[in-house]
Amino acid sequence: MSKKFLADTIQKSIEITGVGATALAGDIIEAIKAEIVQTGRFTIPEFGAFSVRETPKRTAMNPRTGEKVAVKAGATVRFKPSPALREAAHAALKKSKRKAAKGG
């Protein structure tokens, strides 16, 4: 999903201008980011939860040169889908596989 998709959906839903919808989409994204930074977690019921996870330091390999490179410890944001979202995604996958099997 992109910011533009979110803005278009907002615009259609509440009938505001494109500029207003884009600003609102940006505000929503900034609010989510601020909550994740402040608390380390953000949950949308029936959708899922974003949480900050620490990543340990590790050794990686440069794919071009094959050289080993040290990667510092850091943090990343993980997403855990809600059971409802997981079920909907599974149903959509099954539907697309059936459609592909029919040749459509």
PDB file of N, CA and C in Angstrom:
ATOM      1  N   MET A   1       0.851  -1.163   0.000  1.00  0.00           N
ATOM      2  CA  MET A   1       0.000   0.000   0.000  1.00  0.00           C
ATOM      3  C   MET A   1       0.899   1.229   0.000  1.00  0.00           C
ATOM      4  N   SER A   2       0.518   2.190  -0.772  1.00  0.00           N
ATOM      5  CA  SER A   2       1.297   3.419  -0.856  1.00  0.00           C
ATOM      6  C   SER A   2       0.530   4.574  -0.215  1.00  0.00           C
ATOM      7  N   LYS A   3       1.226   5.669   0.000  1.00  0.00           N
ATOM      8  CA  LYS A   3       0.589   6.864   0.544  1.00  0.00           C
ATOM      9  C   LYS A   3      -0.486   7.361  -0.420  1.00  0.00           C
ATOM     10  N   LYS A   4      -0.220   7.260  -1.726  1.00  0.00           N
ATOM     11  CA  LYS A   4      -1.197   7.690  -2.729  1.00  0.00           C
ATOM     12  C   LYS A   4      -2.460   6.839  -2.654  1.00  0.00           C
ATOM     13  N   PHE A   5      -2.305   5.519  -2.514  1.00  0.00           N
ATOM     14  CA  PHE A   5      -3.463   4.631  -2.396  1.00  0.00           C
ATOM     15  C   PHE A   5      -4.284   4.998  -1.164  1.00  0.00           C
ATOM     16  N   LEU A   6      -3.601   5.243  -0.042  1.00  0.00           N
ATOM     17  CA  LEU A   6      -4.280   5.622   1.189  1.00  0.00           C
ATOM     18  C   LEU A   6      -5.020   6.947   1.004  1.00  0.00           C
ATOM     19  N   ALA A   7      -4.373   7.922   0.372  1.00  0.00           N
ATOM     20  CA  ALA A   7      -4.999   9.224   0.131  1.00  0.00           C
ATOM     21  C   ALA A   7      -6.210   9.089  -0.786  1.00  0.00           C
ATOM     22  N   ASP A   8      -6.107   8.280  -1.835  1.00  0.00           N
ATOM     23  CA  ASP A   8      -7.239   8.070  -2.745  1.00  0.00           C
ATOM     24  C   ASP A   8      -8.419   7.436  -2.020  1.00  0.00           C
ATOM     25  N   THR A   9      -8.142   6.467  -1.161  1.00  0.00           N
ATOM     26  CA  THR A   9      -9.199   5.799  -0.398  1.00  0.00           C
ATOM     27  C   THR A   9      -9.870   6.777   0.560  1.00  0.00           C
ATOM     28  N   ILE A  10      -9.077   7.609   1.229  1.00  0.00           N
ATOM     29  CA  ILE A  10      -9.623   8.618   2.139  1.00  0.00           C
ATOM     30  C   ILE A  10     -10.475   9.613   1.362  1.00  0.00           C
ATOM     31  N   GLN A  11      -9.970  10.046   0.213  1.00  0.00           N
ATOM     32  CA  GLN A  11     -10.686  11.029  -0.598  1.00  0.00           C
ATOM     33  C   GLN A  11     -12.057  10.505  -1.015  1.00  0.00           C
ATOM     34  N   LYS A  12     -12.125   9.259  -1.438  1.00  0.00           N
ATOM     35  CA  LYS A  12     -13.401   8.673  -1.854  1.00  0.00           C
ATOM     36  C   LYS A  12     -14.333   8.463  -0.664  1.00  0.00           C
ATOM     37  N   SER A  13     -13.760   8.114   0.477  1.00  0.00           N
ATOM     38  CA  SER A  13     -14.556   7.781   1.653  1.00  0.00           C
ATOM     39  C   SER A  13     -15.230   8.999   2.281  1.00  0.00           C
ATOM     40  N   ILE A  14     -14.497  10.088   2.430  1.00  0.00           N
ATOM     41  CA  ILE A  14     -15.065  11.249   3.122  1.00  0.00           C
ATOM     42  C   ILE A  14     -15.225  12.467   2.220  1.00  0.00           C
ATOM     43  N   GLU A  15     -15.032  12.289   0.944  1.00  0.00           N
ATOM     44  CA  GLU A  15     -15.269  13.338  -0.047  1.00  0.00           C
ATOM     45  C   GLU A  15     -14.562  14.651   0.293  1.00  0.00           C
ATOM     46  N   ILE A  16     -13.232  14.593   0.344  1.00  0.00           N
ATOM     47  CA  ILE A  16     -12.434  15.805   0.501  1.00  0.00           C
ATOM     48  C   ILE A  16     -11.530  15.933  -0.716  1.00  0.00           C
ATOM     49  N   THR A  17     -10.839  17.049  -0.809  1.00  0.00           N
ATOM     50  CA  THR A  17      -9.961  17.272  -1.957  1.00  0.00           C
ATOM     51  C   THR A  17      -8.770  16.325  -1.913  1.00  0.00           C
ATOM     52  N   GLY A  18      -8.136  16.172  -3.056  1.00  0.00           N
ATOM     53  CA  GLY A  18      -6.952  15.323  -3.129  1.00  0.00           C
ATOM     54  C   GLY A  18      -5.833  15.833  -2.246  1.00  0.00           C
ATOM     55  N   VAL A  19      -5.668  17.147  -2.191  1.00  0.00           N
ATOM     56  CA  VAL A  19      -4.624  17.741  -1.353  1.00  0.00           C
ATOM     57  C   VAL A  19      -4.920  17.461   0.118  1.00  0.00           C
ATOM     58  N   GLY A  20      -6.170  17.618   0.509  1.00  0.00           N
ATOM     59  CA  GLY A  20      -6.558  17.345   1.895  1.00  0.00           C
ATOM     60  C   GLY A  20      -6.375  15.886   2.258  1.00  0.00           C
ATOM     61  N   ALA A  21      -6.744  15.002   1.334  1.00  0.00           N
ATOM     62  CA  ALA A  21      -6.602  13.563   1.581  1.00  0.00           C
ATOM     63  C   ALA A  21      -5.137  13.178   1.692  1.00  0.00           C
ATOM     64  N   THR A  22      -4.289  13.755   0.847  1.00  0.00           N
ATOM     65  CA  THR A  22      -2.857  13.466   0.905  1.00  0.00           C
ATOM     66  C   THR A  22      -2.267  13.959   2.224  1.00  0.00           C
ATOM     67  N   ALA A  23      -2.687  15.146   2.661  1.00  0.00           N
ATOM     68  CA  ALA A  23      -2.211  15.676   3.942  1.00  0.00           C
ATOM     69  C   ALA A  23      -2.672  14.785   5.096  1.00  0.00           C
ATOM     70  N   LEU A  24      -3.920  14.333   5.046  1.00  0.00           N
ATOM     71  CA  LEU A  24      -4.442  13.458   6.094  1.00  0.00           C
ATOM     72  C   LEU A  24      -3.701  12.123   6.114  1.00  0.00           C
ATOM     73  N   ALA A  25      -3.433  11.562   4.940  1.00  0.00           N
ATOM     74  CA  ALA A  25      -2.678  10.304   4.864  1.00  0.00           C
ATOM     75  C   ALA A  25      -1.281  10.492   5.465  1.00  0.00           C
ATOM     76  N   GLY A  26      -0.648  11.606   5.151  1.00  0.00           N
ATOM     77  CA  GLY A  26       0.669  11.904   5.718  1.00  0.00           C
ATOM     78  C   GLY A  26       0.618  12.040   7.229  1.00  0.00           C
ATOM     79  N   ASP A  27      -0.440  12.692   7.736  1.00  0.00           N
ATOM     80  CA  ASP A  27      -0.599  12.848   9.183  1.00  0.00           C
ATOM     81  C   ASP A  27      -0.790  11.495   9.871  1.00  0.00           C
ATOM     82  N   ILE A  28      -1.560  10.606   9.238  1.00  0.00           N
ATOM     83  CA  ILE A  28      -1.777   9.269   9.804  1.00  0.00           C
ATOM     84  C   ILE A  28      -0.458   8.511   9.882  1.00  0.00           C
ATOM     85  N   ILE A  29       0.311   8.558   8.803  1.00  0.00           N
ATOM     86  CA  ILE A  29       1.600   7.863   8.771  1.00  0.00           C
ATOM     87  C   ILE A  29       2.542   8.430   9.830  1.00  0.00           C
ATOM     88  N   GLU A  30       2.579   9.751   9.959  1.00  0.00           N
ATOM     89  CA  GLU A  30       3.443  10.381  10.968  1.00  0.00           C
ATOM     90  C   GLU A  30       3.008  10.008  12.382  1.00  0.00           C
ATOM     91  N   ALA A  31       1.696   9.919  12.627  1.00  0.00           N
ATOM     92  CA  ALA A  31       1.201   9.533  13.951  1.00  0.00           C
ATOM     93  C   ALA A  31       1.605   8.100  14.285  1.00  0.00           C
ATOM     94  N   ILE A  32       1.523   7.213  13.301  1.00  0.00           N
ATOM     95  CA  ILE A  32       1.937   5.822  13.513  1.00  0.00           C
ATOM     96  C   ILE A  32       3.429   5.768  13.830  1.00  0.00           C
ATOM     97  N   LYS A  33       4.238   6.498  13.042  1.00  0.00           N
ATOM     98  CA  LYS A  33       5.679   6.519  13.286  1.00  0.00           C
ATOM     99  C   LYS A  33       6.000   7.056  14.679  1.00  0.00           C
ATOM    100  N   ALA A  34       5.326   8.132  15.076  1.00  0.00           N
ATOM    101  CA  ALA A  34       5.580   8.727  16.390  1.00  0.00           C
ATOM    102  C   ALA A  34       5.242   7.748  17.511  1.00  0.00           C
ATOM    103  N   GLU A  35       4.143   7.026  17.369  1.00  0.00           N
ATOM    104  CA  GLU A  35       3.753   6.049  18.395  1.00  0.00           C
ATOM    105  C   GLU A  35       4.765   4.907  18.478  1.00  0.00           C
ATOM    106  N   ILE A  36       5.244   4.446  17.327  1.00  0.00           N
ATOM    107  CA  ILE A  36       6.244   3.369  17.318  1.00  0.00           C
ATOM    108  C   ILE A  36       7.539   3.841  17.977  1.00  0.00           C
ATOM    109  N   VAL A  37       7.952   5.070  17.678  1.00  0.00           N
ATOM    110  CA  VAL A  37       9.176   5.607  18.277  1.00  0.00           C
ATOM    111  C   VAL A  37       9.004   5.777  19.786  1.00  0.00           C
ATOM    112  N   GLN A  38       7.850   6.275  20.217  1.00  0.00           N
ATOM    113  CA  GLN A  38       7.619   6.550  21.633  1.00  0.00           C
ATOM    114  C   GLN A  38       7.425   5.279  22.455  1.00  0.00           C
ATOM    115  N   THR A  39       6.629   4.334  21.960  1.00  0.00           N
ATOM    116  CA  THR A  39       6.280   3.163  22.774  1.00  0.00           C
ATOM    117  C   THR A  39       6.894   1.859  22.281  1.00  0.00           C
ATOM    118  N   GLY A  40       7.395   1.856  21.055  1.00  0.00           N
ATOM    119  CA  GLY A  40       7.960   0.630  20.500  1.00  0.00           C
ATOM    120  C   GLY A  40       6.916  -0.310  19.931  1.00  0.00           C
ATOM    121  N   ARG A  41       5.648   0.154  19.859  1.00  0.00           N
ATOM    122  CA  ARG A  41       4.575  -0.724  19.388  1.00  0.00           C
ATOM    123  C   ARG A  41       3.408   0.113  18.865  1.00  0.00           C
ATOM    124  N   PHE A  42       2.703  -0.408  17.865  1.00  0.00           N
ATOM    125  CA  PHE A  42       1.485   0.224  17.360  1.00  0.00           C
ATOM    126  C   PHE A  42       0.562  -0.876  16.869  1.00  0.00           C
ATOM    127  N   THR A  43      -0.664  -0.899  17.385  1.00  0.00           N
ATOM    128  CA  THR A  43      -1.614  -1.948  17.034  1.00  0.00           C
ATOM    129  C   THR A  43      -2.855  -1.348  16.396  1.00  0.00           C
ATOM    130  N   ILE A  44      -3.295  -1.961  15.310  1.00  0.00           N
ATOM    131  CA  ILE A  44      -4.567  -1.629  14.683  1.00  0.00           C
ATOM    132  C   ILE A  44      -5.434  -2.881  14.815  1.00  0.00           C
ATOM    133  N   PRO A  45      -6.486  -2.826  15.641  1.00  0.00           N
ATOM    134  CA  PRO A  45      -7.331  -4.011  15.807  1.00  0.00           C
ATOM    135  C   PRO A  45      -7.865  -4.506  14.461  1.00  0.00           C
ATOM    136  N   GLU A  46      -7.972  -5.799  14.316  1.00  0.00           N
ATOM    137  CA  GLU A  46      -8.436  -6.470  13.099  1.00  0.00           C
ATOM    138  C   GLU A  46      -7.463  -6.325  11.929  1.00  0.00           C
ATOM    139  N   PHE A  47      -6.307  -5.672  12.158  1.00  0.00           N
ATOM    140  CA  PHE A  47      -5.297  -5.537  11.104  1.00  0.00           C
ATOM    141  C   PHE A  47      -3.996  -6.182  11.536  1.00  0.00           C
ATOM    142  N   GLY A  48      -3.404  -5.675  12.620  1.00  0.00           N
ATOM    143  CA  GLY A  48      -2.163  -6.260  13.101  1.00  0.00           C
ATOM    144  C   GLY A  48      -1.398  -5.308  13.991  1.00  0.00           C
ATOM    145  N   ALA A  49      -0.184  -5.709  14.331  1.00  0.00           N
ATOM    146  CA  ALA A  49       0.640  -4.932  15.251  1.00  0.00           C
ATOM    147  C   ALA A  49       2.042  -4.743  14.686  1.00  0.00           C
ATOM    148  N   PHE A  50       2.533  -3.522  14.806  1.00  0.00           N
ATOM    149  CA  PHE A  50       3.907  -3.191  14.455  1.00  0.00           C
ATOM    150  C   PHE A  50       4.684  -3.124  15.759  1.00  0.00           C
ATOM    151  N   SER A  51       5.879  -3.686  15.792  1.00  0.00           N
ATOM    152  CA  SER A  51       6.694  -3.613  17.001  1.00  0.00           C
ATOM    153  C   SER A  51       8.164  -3.495  16.623  1.00  0.00           C
ATOM    154  N   VAL A  52       8.909  -2.823  17.492  1.00  0.00           N
ATOM    155  CA  VAL A  52      10.342  -2.641  17.275  1.00  0.00           C
ATOM    156  C   VAL A  52      11.066  -3.850  17.849  1.00  0.00           C
ATOM    157  N   ARG A  53      11.964  -4.409  17.073  1.00  0.00           N
ATOM    158  CA  ARG A  53      12.775  -5.548  17.511  1.00  0.00           C
ATOM    159  C   ARG A  53      14.240  -5.202  17.345  1.00  0.00           C
ATOM    160  N   GLU A  54      15.033  -5.614  18.311  1.00  0.00           N
ATOM    161  CA  GLU A  54      16.478  -5.415  18.213  1.00  0.00           C
ATOM    162  C   GLU A  54      17.066  -6.469  17.286  1.00  0.00           C
ATOM    163  N   THR A  55      18.060  -6.051  16.515  1.00  0.00           N
ATOM    164  CA  THR A  55      18.780  -7.000  15.667  1.00  0.00           C
ATOM    165  C   THR A  55      20.209  -7.104  16.193  1.00  0.00           C
ATOM    166  N   PRO A  56      20.712  -8.304  16.360  1.00  0.00           N
ATOM    167  CA  PRO A  56      22.067  -8.467  16.893  1.00  0.00           C
ATOM    168  C   PRO A  56      23.121  -8.114  15.841  1.00  0.00           C
ATOM    169  N   LYS A  57      24.335  -7.840  16.314  1.00  0.00           N
ATOM    170  CA  LYS A  57      25.409  -7.629  15.351  1.00  0.00           C
ATOM    171  C   LYS A  57      25.690  -8.968  14.675  1.00  0.00           C
ATOM    172  N   ARG A  58      26.119  -8.896  13.432  1.00  0.00           N
ATOM    173  CA  ARG A  58      26.341 -10.127  12.675  1.00  0.00           C
ATOM    174  C   ARG A  58      27.352  -9.880  11.570  1.00  0.00           C
ATOM    175  N   THR A  59      27.740 -10.942  10.913  1.00  0.00           N
ATOM    176  CA  THR A  59      28.634 -10.849   9.771  1.00  0.00           C
ATOM    177  C   THR A  59      27.839 -11.180   8.520  1.00  0.00           C
ATOM    178  N   ALA A  60      27.939 -10.319   7.523  1.00  0.00           N
ATOM    179  CA  ALA A  60      27.251 -10.533   6.251  1.00  0.00           C
ATOM    180  C   ALA A  60      28.298 -10.632   5.151  1.00  0.00           C
ATOM    181  N   MET A  61      27.844 -10.924   3.940  1.00  0.00           N
ATOM    182  CA  MET A  61      28.769 -11.040   2.823  1.00  0.00           C
ATOM    183  C   MET A  61      28.356 -10.076   1.713  1.00  0.00           C
ATOM    184  N   ASN A  62      29.331  -9.332   1.199  1.00  0.00           N
ATOM    185  CA  ASN A  62      29.095  -8.462   0.060  1.00  0.00           C
ATOM    186  C   ASN A  62      28.873  -9.359  -1.158  1.00  0.00           C
ATOM    187  N   PRO A  63      27.705  -9.294  -1.815  1.00  0.00           N
ATOM    188  CA  PRO A  63      27.434 -10.207  -2.929  1.00  0.00           C
ATOM    189  C   PRO A  63      28.323  -9.974  -4.154  1.00  0.00           C
ATOM    190  N   ARG A  64      28.843  -8.764  -4.309  1.00  0.00           N
ATOM    191  CA  ARG A  64      29.707  -8.484  -5.468  1.00  0.00           C
ATOM    192  C   ARG A  64      31.118  -9.028  -5.294  1.00  0.00           C
ATOM    193  N   THR A  65      31.656  -8.805  -4.086  1.00  0.00           N
ATOM    194  CA  THR A  65      33.060  -9.156  -3.874  1.00  0.00           C
ATOM    195  C   THR A  65      33.250 -10.431  -3.067  1.00  0.00           C
ATOM    196  N   GLY A  66      32.213 -10.867  -2.376  1.00  0.00           N
ATOM    197  CA  GLY A  66      32.340 -12.035  -1.519  1.00  0.00           C
ATOM    198  C   GLY A  66      33.019 -11.718  -0.197  1.00  0.00           C
ATOM    199  N   GLU A  67      33.341 -10.449   0.018  1.00  0.00           N
ATOM    200  CA  GLU A  67      34.024 -10.015   1.231  1.00  0.00           C
ATOM    201  C   GLU A  67      33.068 -10.052   2.425  1.00  0.00           C
ATOM    202  N   LYS A  68      33.574 -10.501   3.577  1.00  0.00           N
ATOM    203  CA  LYS A  68      32.766 -10.502   4.793  1.00  0.00           C
ATOM    204  C   LYS A  68      32.730  -9.088   5.356  1.00  0.00           C
ATOM    205  N   VAL A  69      31.531  -8.674   5.792  1.00  0.00           N
ATOM    206  CA  VAL A  69      31.318  -7.326   6.296  1.00  0.00           C
ATOM    207  C   VAL A  69      30.637  -7.416   7.659  1.00  0.00           C
ATOM    208  N   ALA A  70      31.130  -6.636   8.617  1.00  0.00           N
ATOM    209  CA  ALA A  70      30.510  -6.598   9.944  1.00  0.00           C
ATOM    210  C   ALA A  70      29.297  -5.675   9.894  1.00  0.00           C
ATOM    211  N   VAL A  71      28.167  -6.153  10.389  1.00  0.00           N
ATOM    212  CA  VAL A  71      26.944  -5.363  10.450  1.00  0.00           C
ATOM    213  C   VAL A  71      26.659  -5.076  11.921  1.00  0.00           C
ATOM    214  N   LYS A  72      26.478  -3.793  12.243  1.00  0.00           N
ATOM    215  CA  LYS A  72      26.252  -3.383  13.630  1.00  0.00           C
ATOM    216  C   LYS A  72      24.882  -3.851  14.120  1.00  0.00           C
ATOM    217  N   ALA A  73      24.755  -3.951  15.431  1.00  0.00           N
ATOM    218  CA  ALA A  73      23.451  -4.226  16.037  1.00  0.00           C
ATOM    219  C   ALA A  73      22.553  -3.026  15.774  1.00  0.00           C
ATOM    220  N   GLY A  74      21.283  -3.259  15.683  1.00  0.00           N
ATOM    221  CA  GLY A  74      20.365  -2.166  15.396  1.00  0.00           C
ATOM    222  C   GLY A  74      18.953  -2.531  15.786  1.00  0.00           C
ATOM    223  N   ALA A  75      18.014  -1.954  15.082  1.00  0.00           N
ATOM    224  CA  ALA A  75      16.605  -2.226  15.349  1.00  0.00           C
ATOM    225  C   ALA A  75      15.854  -2.232  14.032  1.00  0.00           C
ATOM    226  N   THR A  76      14.755  -2.959  14.011  1.00  0.00           N
ATOM    227  CA  THR A  76      13.898  -3.006  12.841  1.00  0.00           C
ATOM    228  C   THR A  76      12.453  -3.047  13.313  1.00  0.00           C
ATOM    229  N   VAL A  77      11.539  -2.732  12.423  1.00  0.00           N
ATOM    230  CA  VAL A  77      10.120  -2.790  12.755  1.00  0.00           C
ATOM    231  C   VAL A  77       9.549  -4.056  12.146  1.00  0.00           C
ATOM    232  N   ARG A  78       8.889  -4.843  12.968  1.00  0.00           N
ATOM    233  CA  ARG A  78       8.252  -6.081  12.517  1.00  0.00           C
ATOM    234  C   ARG A  78       6.746  -5.879  12.504  1.00  0.00           C
ATOM    235  N   PHE A  79       6.067  -6.622  11.641  1.00  0.00           N
ATOM    236  CA  PHE A  79       4.609  -6.583  11.580  1.00  0.00           C
ATOM    237  C   PHE A  79       4.063  -7.972  11.826  1.00  0.00           C
ATOM    238  N   LYS A  80       3.097  -8.071  12.717  1.00  0.00           N
ATOM    239  CA  LYS A  80       2.425  -9.341  12.985  1.00  0.00           C
ATOM    240  C   LYS A  80       0.954  -9.153  12.628  1.00  0.00           C
ATOM    241  N   PRO A  81       0.480  -9.844  11.588  1.00  0.00           N
ATOM    242  CA  PRO A  81      -0.917  -9.671  11.184  1.00  0.00           C
ATOM    243  C   PRO A  81      -1.885 -10.253  12.210  1.00  0.00           C
ATOM    244  N   SER A  82      -3.072  -9.672  12.269  1.00  0.00           N
ATOM    245  CA  SER A  82      -4.113 -10.204  13.150  1.00  0.00           C
ATOM    246  C   SER A  82      -4.639 -11.504  12.550  1.00  0.00           C
ATOM    247  N   PRO A  83      -5.291 -12.331  13.354  1.00  0.00           N
ATOM    248  CA  PRO A  83      -5.873 -13.557  12.796  1.00  0.00           C
ATOM    249  C   PRO A  83      -6.852 -13.278  11.650  1.00  0.00           C
ATOM    250  N   ALA A  84      -7.623 -12.192  11.751  1.00  0.00           N
ATOM    251  CA  ALA A  84      -8.580 -11.854  10.691  1.00  0.00           C
ATOM    252  C   ALA A  84      -7.859 -11.519   9.384  1.00  0.00           C
ATOM    253  N   LEU A  85      -6.770 -10.754   9.465  1.00  0.00           N
ATOM    254  CA  LEU A  85      -6.013 -10.405   8.264  1.00  0.00           C
ATOM    255  C   LEU A  85      -5.332 -11.631   7.685  1.00  0.00           C
ATOM    256  N   ARG A  86      -4.774 -12.465   8.547  1.00  0.00           N
ATOM    257  CA  ARG A  86      -4.112 -13.685   8.088  1.00  0.00           C
ATOM    258  C   ARG A  86      -5.111 -14.584   7.351  1.00  0.00           C
ATOM    259  N   GLU A  87      -6.316 -14.707   7.891  1.00  0.00           N
ATOM    260  CA  GLU A  87      -7.354 -15.533   7.271  1.00  0.00           C
ATOM    261  C   GLU A  87      -7.784 -14.951   5.923  1.00  0.00           C
ATOM    262  N   ALA A  88      -7.942 -13.635   5.845  1.00  0.00           N
ATOM    263  CA  ALA A  88      -8.328 -12.987   4.592  1.00  0.00           C
ATOM    264  C   ALA A  88      -7.246 -13.166   3.528  1.00  0.00           C
ATOM    265  N   ALA A  89      -5.990 -13.048   3.921  1.00  0.00           N
ATOM    266  CA  ALA A  89      -4.888 -13.236   2.975  1.00  0.00           C
ATOM    267  C   ALA A  89      -4.845 -14.670   2.480  1.00  0.00           C
ATOM    268  N   HIS A  90      -5.084 -15.613   3.374  1.00  0.00           N
ATOM    269  CA  HIS A  90      -5.093 -17.028   2.996  1.00  0.00           C
ATOM    270  C   HIS A  90      -6.226 -17.306   2.008  1.00  0.00           C
ATOM    271  N   ALA A  91      -7.403 -16.738   2.253  1.00  0.00           N
ATOM    272  CA  ALA A  91      -8.542 -16.927   1.350  1.00  0.00           C
ATOM    273  C   ALA A  91      -8.252 -16.322  -0.023  1.00  0.00           C
ATOM    274  N   ALA A  92      -7.617 -15.157  -0.050  1.00  0.00           N
ATOM    275  CA  ALA A  92      -7.277 -14.521  -1.326  1.00  0.00           C
ATOM    276  C   ALA A  92      -6.257 -15.348  -2.094  1.00  0.00           C
ATOM    277  N   LEU A  93      -5.305 -15.938  -1.385  1.00  0.00           N
ATOM    278  CA  LEU A  93      -4.297 -16.777  -2.030  1.00  0.00           C
ATOM    279  C   LEU A  93      -4.940 -18.017  -2.641  1.00  0.00           C
ATOM    280  N   LYS A  94      -5.837 -18.650  -1.891  1.00  0.00           N
ATOM    281  CA  LYS A  94      -6.527 -19.829  -2.409  1.00  0.00           C
ATOM    282  C   LYS A  94      -7.344 -19.475  -3.651  1.00  0.00           C
ATOM    283  N   LYS A  95      -8.006 -18.312  -3.627  1.00  0.00           N
ATOM    284  CA  LYS A  95      -8.825 -17.872  -4.756  1.00  0.00           C
ATOM    285  C   LYS A  95      -7.961 -17.632  -5.991  1.00  0.00           C
ATOM    286  N   SER A  96      -6.798 -16.993  -5.811  1.00  0.00           N
ATOM    287  CA  SER A  96      -5.929 -16.716  -6.955  1.00  0.00           C
ATOM    288  C   SER A  96      -5.327 -17.997  -7.519  1.00  0.00           C
ATOM    289  N   LYS A  97      -5.050 -18.978  -6.655  1.00  0.00           N
ATOM    290  CA  LYS A  97      -4.523 -20.256  -7.141  1.00  0.00           C
ATOM    291  C   LYS A  97      -5.573 -21.005  -7.950  1.00  0.00           C
ATOM    292  N   ARG A  98      -6.838 -20.952  -7.501  1.00  0.00           N
ATOM    293  CA  ARG A  98      -7.914 -21.600  -8.262  1.00  0.00           C
ATOM    294  C   ARG A  98      -8.080 -20.936  -9.621  1.00  0.00           C
ATOM    295  N   LYS A  99      -8.000 -19.614  -9.643  1.00  0.00           N
ATOM    296  CA  LYS A  99      -8.147 -18.873 -10.893  1.00  0.00           C
ATOM    297  C   LYS A  99      -7.007 -19.214 -11.848  1.00  0.00           C
ATOM    298  N   ALA A 100      -5.790 -19.332 -11.327  1.00  0.00           N
ATOM    299  CA  ALA A 100      -4.635 -19.682 -12.155  1.00  0.00           C
ATOM    300  C   ALA A 100      -4.760 -21.107 -12.682  1.00  0.00           C
ATOM    301  N   ALA A 101      -5.293 -22.006 -11.868  1.00  0.00           N
ATOM    302  CA  ALA A 101      -5.455 -23.395 -12.294  1.00  0.00           C
ATOM    303  C   ALA A 101      -6.482 -23.520 -13.412  1.00  0.00           C
ATOM    304  N   LYS A 102      -7.479 -22.623 -13.410  1.00  0.00           N
ATOM    305  CA  LYS A 102      -8.495 -22.633 -14.465  1.00  0.00           C
ATOM    306  C   LYS A 102      -7.976 -21.980 -15.743  1.00  0.00           C
ATOM    307  N   GLY A 103      -6.826 -21.314 -15.636  1.00  0.00           N
ATOM    308  CA  GLY A 103      -6.235 -20.664 -16.807  1.00  0.00           C
ATOM    309  C   GLY A 103      -6.723 -19.249 -17.010  1.00  0.00           C
ATOM    310  N   GLY A 104      -7.227 -18.648 -15.954  1.00  0.00           N
ATOM    311  CA  GLY A 104      -7.829 -17.342 -16.087  1.00  0.00           C
ATOM    312  C   GLY A 104      -7.046 -16.272 -15.521  1.00  0.00           C
TER     313      GLY A 104
END
